[in-house]
Amino acid sequence: MTIKKFCKKNKIKFYISNNVNIAKSIKADGIHIPSANKMRIFNINNMDLIGTVYSQYDYYIKKNQNCTAVFLSPLFYTKKYSINKTLGPIKFNLISKNWDLAVYALGGLSSNNFKKINLTKCSGIGGISFIEK
């Protein structure tokens, strides 16, 4: 079973990262825009845009790109980010408390810290490590 079929069967939205043409050709639900991409995305009829943000500044950029939601990262420790760069539930909530877009948690999510996600005011989660294992 492909990931797209799995997502459809389980009513999970399927996003392609940073490639409008591929997203259109496979009829993805939307496009993920990494924080490094600061350009506006055009010609995306009937697709959601979701961006990754690390700060308030990134949030405003993604809002101007017409994103419908954002991933705020990193919530927990990952190999990519040191322990000093992680947000944790309290910082996560403080940073995103006045945002008017849906906010999803990203970064370091695992079965060990899954209960701590309930301490955040996130609308959902994202993570590649759940798929890779």
N, C-alpha and C. Protein backbone atom coordinates (compact mmCIF):
# COMPACT_ATOMS: atom_id res chain seq x y z
N MET A 1 0.85 -1.18 0.00
CA MET A 1 0.00 0.00 0.00
C MET A 1 0.90 1.25 0.00
N THR A 2 0.59 2.19 -0.86
CA THR A 2 1.37 3.42 -0.90
C THR A 2 0.99 4.33 0.27
N ILE A 3 1.84 5.29 0.56
CA ILE A 3 1.56 6.23 1.65
C ILE A 3 0.30 7.03 1.33
N LYS A 4 0.14 7.41 0.07
CA LYS A 4 -1.05 8.18 -0.30
C LYS A 4 -2.32 7.38 -0.05
N LYS A 5 -2.33 6.11 -0.43
CA LYS A 5 -3.50 5.26 -0.20
C LYS A 5 -3.75 5.06 1.30
N PHE A 6 -2.67 4.89 2.05
CA PHE A 6 -2.80 4.74 3.50
C PHE A 6 -3.45 5.99 4.10
N CYS A 7 -2.98 7.16 3.67
CA CYS A 7 -3.53 8.42 4.18
C CYS A 7 -5.01 8.55 3.84
N LYS A 8 -5.37 8.23 2.61
CA LYS A 8 -6.77 8.35 2.19
C LYS A 8 -7.65 7.39 2.99
N LYS A 9 -7.19 6.17 3.14
CA LYS A 9 -7.96 5.16 3.88
C LYS A 9 -8.19 5.59 5.33
N ASN A 10 -7.18 6.24 5.92
CA ASN A 10 -7.25 6.64 7.32
C ASN A 10 -7.65 8.10 7.53
N LYS A 11 -8.11 8.74 6.45
CA LYS A 11 -8.58 10.13 6.49
C LYS A 11 -7.51 11.08 7.04
N ILE A 12 -6.29 10.90 6.52
CA ILE A 12 -5.15 11.75 6.87
C ILE A 12 -4.78 12.55 5.63
N LYS A 13 -4.57 13.84 5.80
CA LYS A 13 -4.20 14.66 4.64
C LYS A 13 -2.78 14.32 4.20
N PHE A 14 -2.58 14.36 2.87
CA PHE A 14 -1.31 14.00 2.26
C PHE A 14 -0.71 15.22 1.59
N TYR A 15 0.49 15.61 2.02
CA TYR A 15 1.16 16.80 1.51
C TYR A 15 2.48 16.42 0.84
N ILE A 16 2.81 17.16 -0.21
CA ILE A 16 4.11 17.03 -0.88
C ILE A 16 4.93 18.26 -0.51
N SER A 17 6.19 18.04 -0.21
CA SER A 17 7.03 19.14 0.22
C SER A 17 7.64 19.91 -0.95
N ASN A 18 7.29 21.19 -1.02
CA ASN A 18 7.97 22.18 -1.85
C ASN A 18 7.97 21.90 -3.36
N ASN A 19 7.02 21.12 -3.86
CA ASN A 19 7.00 20.86 -5.30
C ASN A 19 5.55 20.87 -5.80
N VAL A 20 5.15 21.99 -6.38
CA VAL A 20 3.78 22.17 -6.85
C VAL A 20 3.44 21.18 -7.96
N ASN A 21 4.35 20.97 -8.89
CA ASN A 21 4.08 20.08 -10.03
C ASN A 21 3.80 18.65 -9.60
N ILE A 22 4.61 18.12 -8.69
CA ILE A 22 4.38 16.76 -8.21
C ILE A 22 3.07 16.69 -7.43
N ALA A 23 2.83 17.69 -6.58
CA ALA A 23 1.60 17.71 -5.78
C ALA A 23 0.37 17.70 -6.68
N LYS A 24 0.41 18.47 -7.76
CA LYS A 24 -0.72 18.49 -8.70
C LYS A 24 -0.86 17.16 -9.43
N SER A 25 0.26 16.60 -9.87
CA SER A 25 0.20 15.37 -10.68
C SER A 25 -0.33 14.18 -9.89
N ILE A 26 -0.06 14.11 -8.60
CA ILE A 26 -0.56 12.97 -7.82
C ILE A 26 -1.80 13.34 -7.01
N LYS A 27 -2.29 14.57 -7.23
CA LYS A 27 -3.50 15.04 -6.56
C LYS A 27 -3.38 14.97 -5.03
N ALA A 28 -2.30 15.54 -4.54
CA ALA A 28 -2.09 15.62 -3.09
C ALA A 28 -3.09 16.60 -2.49
N ASP A 29 -3.29 16.51 -1.20
CA ASP A 29 -4.19 17.44 -0.51
C ASP A 29 -3.59 18.83 -0.41
N GLY A 30 -2.26 18.89 -0.43
CA GLY A 30 -1.64 20.20 -0.30
C GLY A 30 -0.14 20.15 -0.47
N ILE A 31 0.47 21.30 -0.21
CA ILE A 31 1.90 21.46 -0.37
C ILE A 31 2.49 21.96 0.94
N HIS A 32 3.60 21.35 1.33
CA HIS A 32 4.34 21.81 2.50
C HIS A 32 5.43 22.76 2.03
N ILE A 33 5.49 23.94 2.63
CA ILE A 33 6.50 24.93 2.27
C ILE A 33 7.51 25.04 3.41
N PRO A 34 8.76 24.58 3.20
CA PRO A 34 9.76 24.68 4.26
C PRO A 34 10.03 26.14 4.64
N SER A 35 10.60 26.35 5.80
CA SER A 35 10.84 27.72 6.27
C SER A 35 11.82 28.46 5.37
N ALA A 36 12.73 27.75 4.72
CA ALA A 36 13.70 28.40 3.84
C ALA A 36 13.07 28.99 2.59
N ASN A 37 11.91 28.47 2.19
CA ASN A 37 11.22 28.98 1.00
C ASN A 37 10.43 30.22 1.38
N LYS A 38 10.87 31.37 0.90
CA LYS A 38 10.23 32.64 1.23
C LYS A 38 9.36 33.17 0.08
N MET A 39 9.31 32.45 -1.05
CA MET A 39 8.58 32.93 -2.23
C MET A 39 7.10 32.56 -2.13
N ARG A 40 6.26 33.34 -2.79
CA ARG A 40 4.82 33.04 -2.86
C ARG A 40 4.61 31.88 -3.81
N ILE A 41 3.64 31.06 -3.49
CA ILE A 41 3.28 29.92 -4.33
C ILE A 41 1.99 30.27 -5.06
N PHE A 42 1.98 30.08 -6.38
CA PHE A 42 0.82 30.41 -7.20
C PHE A 42 0.27 29.16 -7.88
N ASN A 43 -0.93 29.28 -8.42
CA ASN A 43 -1.57 28.21 -9.20
C ASN A 43 -1.72 26.90 -8.42
N ILE A 44 -2.35 26.99 -7.29
CA ILE A 44 -2.53 25.80 -6.46
C ILE A 44 -4.01 25.60 -6.13
N ASN A 45 -4.83 25.60 -7.11
CA ASN A 45 -6.28 25.45 -6.89
C ASN A 45 -6.60 24.22 -6.06
N ASN A 46 -7.49 24.40 -5.10
CA ASN A 46 -8.00 23.31 -4.25
C ASN A 46 -6.93 22.57 -3.48
N MET A 47 -5.86 23.24 -3.12
CA MET A 47 -4.81 22.62 -2.31
C MET A 47 -4.52 23.48 -1.10
N ASP A 48 -4.26 22.83 0.01
CA ASP A 48 -3.84 23.54 1.21
C ASP A 48 -2.36 23.85 1.13
N LEU A 49 -1.96 24.93 1.76
CA LEU A 49 -0.55 25.24 1.93
C LEU A 49 -0.25 25.17 3.42
N ILE A 50 0.79 24.46 3.76
CA ILE A 50 1.21 24.37 5.16
C ILE A 50 2.71 24.64 5.21
N GLY A 51 3.12 25.50 6.12
CA GLY A 51 4.52 25.88 6.19
C GLY A 51 5.16 25.49 7.51
N THR A 52 6.48 25.43 7.52
CA THR A 52 7.23 25.18 8.75
C THR A 52 7.79 26.48 9.25
N VAL A 53 7.62 26.74 10.54
CA VAL A 53 8.13 27.96 11.15
C VAL A 53 8.93 27.61 12.40
N TYR A 54 9.91 28.48 12.68
CA TYR A 54 10.74 28.33 13.86
C TYR A 54 10.63 29.56 14.76
N SER A 55 9.93 30.59 14.27
CA SER A 55 9.86 31.84 15.02
C SER A 55 8.64 32.65 14.59
N GLN A 56 8.43 33.74 15.29
CA GLN A 56 7.35 34.66 14.96
C GLN A 56 7.56 35.25 13.57
N TYR A 57 8.80 35.58 13.25
CA TYR A 57 9.13 36.13 11.92
C TYR A 57 8.74 35.15 10.81
N ASP A 58 9.12 33.88 10.99
CA ASP A 58 8.76 32.85 10.00
C ASP A 58 7.24 32.74 9.85
N TYR A 59 6.53 32.88 10.96
CA TYR A 59 5.07 32.80 10.93
C TYR A 59 4.48 33.87 10.00
N TYR A 60 4.97 35.10 10.11
CA TYR A 60 4.45 36.17 9.26
C TYR A 60 4.75 35.92 7.79
N ILE A 61 5.89 35.35 7.50
CA ILE A 61 6.22 35.00 6.12
C ILE A 61 5.24 33.96 5.59
N LYS A 62 4.99 32.92 6.37
CA LYS A 62 4.07 31.86 5.93
C LYS A 62 2.64 32.39 5.82
N LYS A 63 2.28 33.31 6.68
CA LYS A 63 0.94 33.91 6.58
C LYS A 63 0.82 34.70 5.27
N ASN A 64 1.86 35.42 4.88
CA ASN A 64 1.86 36.15 3.62
C ASN A 64 1.92 35.23 2.41
N GLN A 65 2.36 34.00 2.60
CA GLN A 65 2.36 33.01 1.52
C GLN A 65 0.99 32.31 1.42
N ASN A 66 0.04 32.75 2.21
CA ASN A 66 -1.32 32.19 2.24
C ASN A 66 -1.38 30.76 2.75
N CYS A 67 -0.53 30.42 3.69
CA CYS A 67 -0.60 29.11 4.31
C CYS A 67 -1.87 29.02 5.14
N THR A 68 -2.46 27.84 5.17
CA THR A 68 -3.65 27.62 5.98
C THR A 68 -3.30 27.09 7.35
N ALA A 69 -2.06 26.61 7.51
CA ALA A 69 -1.59 26.09 8.79
C ALA A 69 -0.06 26.11 8.79
N VAL A 70 0.52 25.97 9.98
CA VAL A 70 1.97 25.92 10.10
C VAL A 70 2.40 24.82 11.06
N PHE A 71 3.57 24.26 10.79
CA PHE A 71 4.25 23.39 11.74
C PHE A 71 5.18 24.27 12.55
N LEU A 72 5.08 24.24 13.86
CA LEU A 72 6.02 24.96 14.73
C LEU A 72 7.01 23.93 15.25
N SER A 73 8.30 24.19 15.04
CA SER A 73 9.32 23.19 15.29
C SER A 73 10.56 23.82 15.90
N PRO A 74 11.36 23.05 16.60
CA PRO A 74 11.15 21.69 17.08
C PRO A 74 10.54 21.69 18.49
N LEU A 75 9.53 20.90 18.67
CA LEU A 75 8.89 20.80 19.98
C LEU A 75 9.80 20.08 20.97
N PHE A 76 10.38 18.97 20.55
CA PHE A 76 11.25 18.18 21.42
C PHE A 76 12.61 17.99 20.75
N TYR A 77 13.54 17.40 21.47
CA TYR A 77 14.90 17.18 20.99
C TYR A 77 14.91 16.27 19.76
N THR A 78 15.73 16.64 18.79
CA THR A 78 16.02 15.79 17.63
C THR A 78 17.52 15.85 17.38
N LYS A 79 18.02 14.95 16.56
CA LYS A 79 19.45 14.97 16.23
C LYS A 79 19.82 16.24 15.48
N LYS A 80 18.86 16.81 14.76
CA LYS A 80 19.12 18.00 13.96
C LYS A 80 19.27 19.26 14.82
N TYR A 81 18.57 19.31 15.96
CA TYR A 81 18.59 20.50 16.81
C TYR A 81 19.06 20.14 18.21
N SER A 82 19.92 20.99 18.78
CA SER A 82 20.41 20.73 20.12
C SER A 82 19.29 20.91 21.13
N ILE A 83 19.51 20.44 22.32
CA ILE A 83 18.51 20.53 23.38
C ILE A 83 18.18 22.00 23.68
N ASN A 84 19.12 22.91 23.44
CA ASN A 84 18.90 24.33 23.69
C ASN A 84 17.98 24.98 22.66
N LYS A 85 17.78 24.35 21.54
CA LYS A 85 16.93 24.92 20.48
C LYS A 85 15.50 24.40 20.54
N THR A 86 15.23 23.40 21.37
CA THR A 86 13.88 22.86 21.44
C THR A 86 12.96 23.82 22.17
N LEU A 87 11.68 23.78 21.82
CA LEU A 87 10.71 24.69 22.42
C LEU A 87 10.13 24.14 23.71
N GLY A 88 9.72 22.90 23.69
CA GLY A 88 8.98 22.35 24.82
C GLY A 88 7.56 22.90 24.80
N PRO A 89 6.66 22.30 25.56
CA PRO A 89 5.25 22.70 25.53
C PRO A 89 4.99 24.16 25.94
N ILE A 90 5.70 24.67 26.93
CA ILE A 90 5.43 26.03 27.41
C ILE A 90 5.82 27.08 26.37
N LYS A 91 7.04 27.01 25.85
CA LYS A 91 7.46 27.96 24.81
C LYS A 91 6.59 27.83 23.56
N PHE A 92 6.26 26.59 23.22
CA PHE A 92 5.40 26.33 22.06
C PHE A 92 4.10 27.13 22.20
N ASN A 93 3.46 27.03 23.36
CA ASN A 93 2.20 27.73 23.60
C ASN A 93 2.38 29.24 23.63
N LEU A 94 3.46 29.72 24.24
CA LEU A 94 3.68 31.16 24.32
C LEU A 94 3.92 31.78 22.94
N ILE A 95 4.70 31.11 22.11
CA ILE A 95 5.00 31.63 20.78
C ILE A 95 3.74 31.68 19.93
N SER A 96 2.92 30.64 19.99
CA SER A 96 1.80 30.52 19.06
C SER A 96 0.46 31.00 19.62
N LYS A 97 0.44 31.55 20.81
CA LYS A 97 -0.85 31.84 21.46
C LYS A 97 -1.73 32.84 20.71
N ASN A 98 -1.18 33.77 19.98
CA ASN A 98 -1.98 34.76 19.26
C ASN A 98 -2.04 34.52 17.76
N TRP A 99 -1.59 33.38 17.31
CA TRP A 99 -1.61 33.08 15.89
C TRP A 99 -3.01 32.67 15.49
N ASP A 100 -3.41 33.09 14.29
CA ASP A 100 -4.76 32.75 13.83
C ASP A 100 -4.77 31.63 12.78
N LEU A 101 -3.64 31.01 12.55
CA LEU A 101 -3.58 29.82 11.69
C LEU A 101 -3.53 28.58 12.57
N ALA A 102 -3.94 27.45 12.03
CA ALA A 102 -3.80 26.19 12.77
C ALA A 102 -2.32 25.91 12.97
N VAL A 103 -1.95 25.45 14.15
CA VAL A 103 -0.55 25.18 14.48
C VAL A 103 -0.39 23.70 14.80
N TYR A 104 0.56 23.07 14.10
CA TYR A 104 0.85 21.66 14.31
C TYR A 104 2.23 21.52 14.95
N ALA A 105 2.38 20.54 15.82
CA ALA A 105 3.66 20.28 16.48
C ALA A 105 4.53 19.42 15.57
N LEU A 106 5.81 19.72 15.55
CA LEU A 106 6.77 19.00 14.72
C LEU A 106 8.10 18.94 15.45
N GLY A 107 8.78 17.82 15.34
CA GLY A 107 10.13 17.72 15.85
C GLY A 107 10.26 16.92 17.13
N GLY A 108 10.87 15.74 17.02
CA GLY A 108 11.18 14.93 18.17
C GLY A 108 10.01 14.19 18.80
N LEU A 109 8.90 14.09 18.10
CA LEU A 109 7.74 13.40 18.65
C LEU A 109 8.00 11.90 18.70
N SER A 110 7.76 11.32 19.85
CA SER A 110 7.99 9.88 20.02
C SER A 110 7.01 9.33 21.05
N SER A 111 7.02 8.03 21.19
CA SER A 111 6.11 7.42 22.18
C SER A 111 6.50 7.83 23.60
N ASN A 112 7.76 8.21 23.81
CA ASN A 112 8.21 8.64 25.14
C ASN A 112 7.64 9.98 25.56
N ASN A 113 7.41 10.88 24.62
CA ASN A 113 6.93 12.22 24.98
C ASN A 113 5.55 12.53 24.42
N PHE A 114 4.87 11.50 23.94
CA PHE A 114 3.58 11.70 23.28
C PHE A 114 2.55 12.34 24.21
N LYS A 115 2.55 12.00 25.48
CA LYS A 115 1.59 12.57 26.42
C LYS A 115 1.82 14.06 26.63
N LYS A 116 3.05 14.51 26.49
CA LYS A 116 3.36 15.93 26.66
C LYS A 116 2.76 16.79 25.55
N ILE A 117 2.45 16.19 24.43
CA ILE A 117 1.83 16.92 23.33
C ILE A 117 0.48 17.48 23.77
N ASN A 118 -0.20 16.76 24.66
CA ASN A 118 -1.49 17.24 25.18
C ASN A 118 -1.36 18.54 25.96
N LEU A 119 -0.15 18.89 26.37
CA LEU A 119 0.08 20.15 27.08
C LEU A 119 0.14 21.34 26.13
N THR A 120 0.24 21.06 24.84
CA THR A 120 0.30 22.14 23.86
C THR A 120 -1.09 22.43 23.34
N LYS A 121 -1.20 23.57 22.69
CA LYS A 121 -2.47 23.93 22.05
C LYS A 121 -2.38 23.71 20.55
N CYS A 122 -1.74 22.60 20.17
CA CYS A 122 -1.58 22.31 18.75
C CYS A 122 -2.85 21.68 18.19
N SER A 123 -3.04 21.88 16.89
CA SER A 123 -4.20 21.31 16.20
C SER A 123 -3.92 19.93 15.63
N GLY A 124 -2.65 19.55 15.62
CA GLY A 124 -2.25 18.26 15.07
C GLY A 124 -0.76 18.09 15.19
N ILE A 125 -0.25 17.00 14.64
CA ILE A 125 1.18 16.72 14.69
C ILE A 125 1.67 16.28 13.32
N GLY A 126 2.95 16.36 13.14
CA GLY A 126 3.59 15.86 11.94
C GLY A 126 4.90 15.22 12.32
N GLY A 127 5.30 14.21 11.59
CA GLY A 127 6.57 13.59 11.89
C GLY A 127 6.90 12.48 10.93
N ILE A 128 8.10 12.50 10.44
CA ILE A 128 8.57 11.48 9.52
C ILE A 128 9.06 10.26 10.27
N SER A 129 9.52 10.44 11.51
CA SER A 129 10.10 9.31 12.25
C SER A 129 9.06 8.23 12.54
N PHE A 130 7.78 8.60 12.63
CA PHE A 130 6.73 7.59 12.83
C PHE A 130 6.61 6.69 11.61
N ILE A 131 6.85 7.22 10.43
CA ILE A 131 6.74 6.45 9.20
C ILE A 131 7.98 5.61 8.97
N GLU A 132 9.16 6.14 9.31
CA GLU A 132 10.41 5.47 9.04
C GLU A 132 10.63 4.22 9.88
N LYS A 133 10.03 4.14 11.04
CA LYS A 133 10.30 3.01 11.94
C LYS A 133 9.54 1.78 11.57
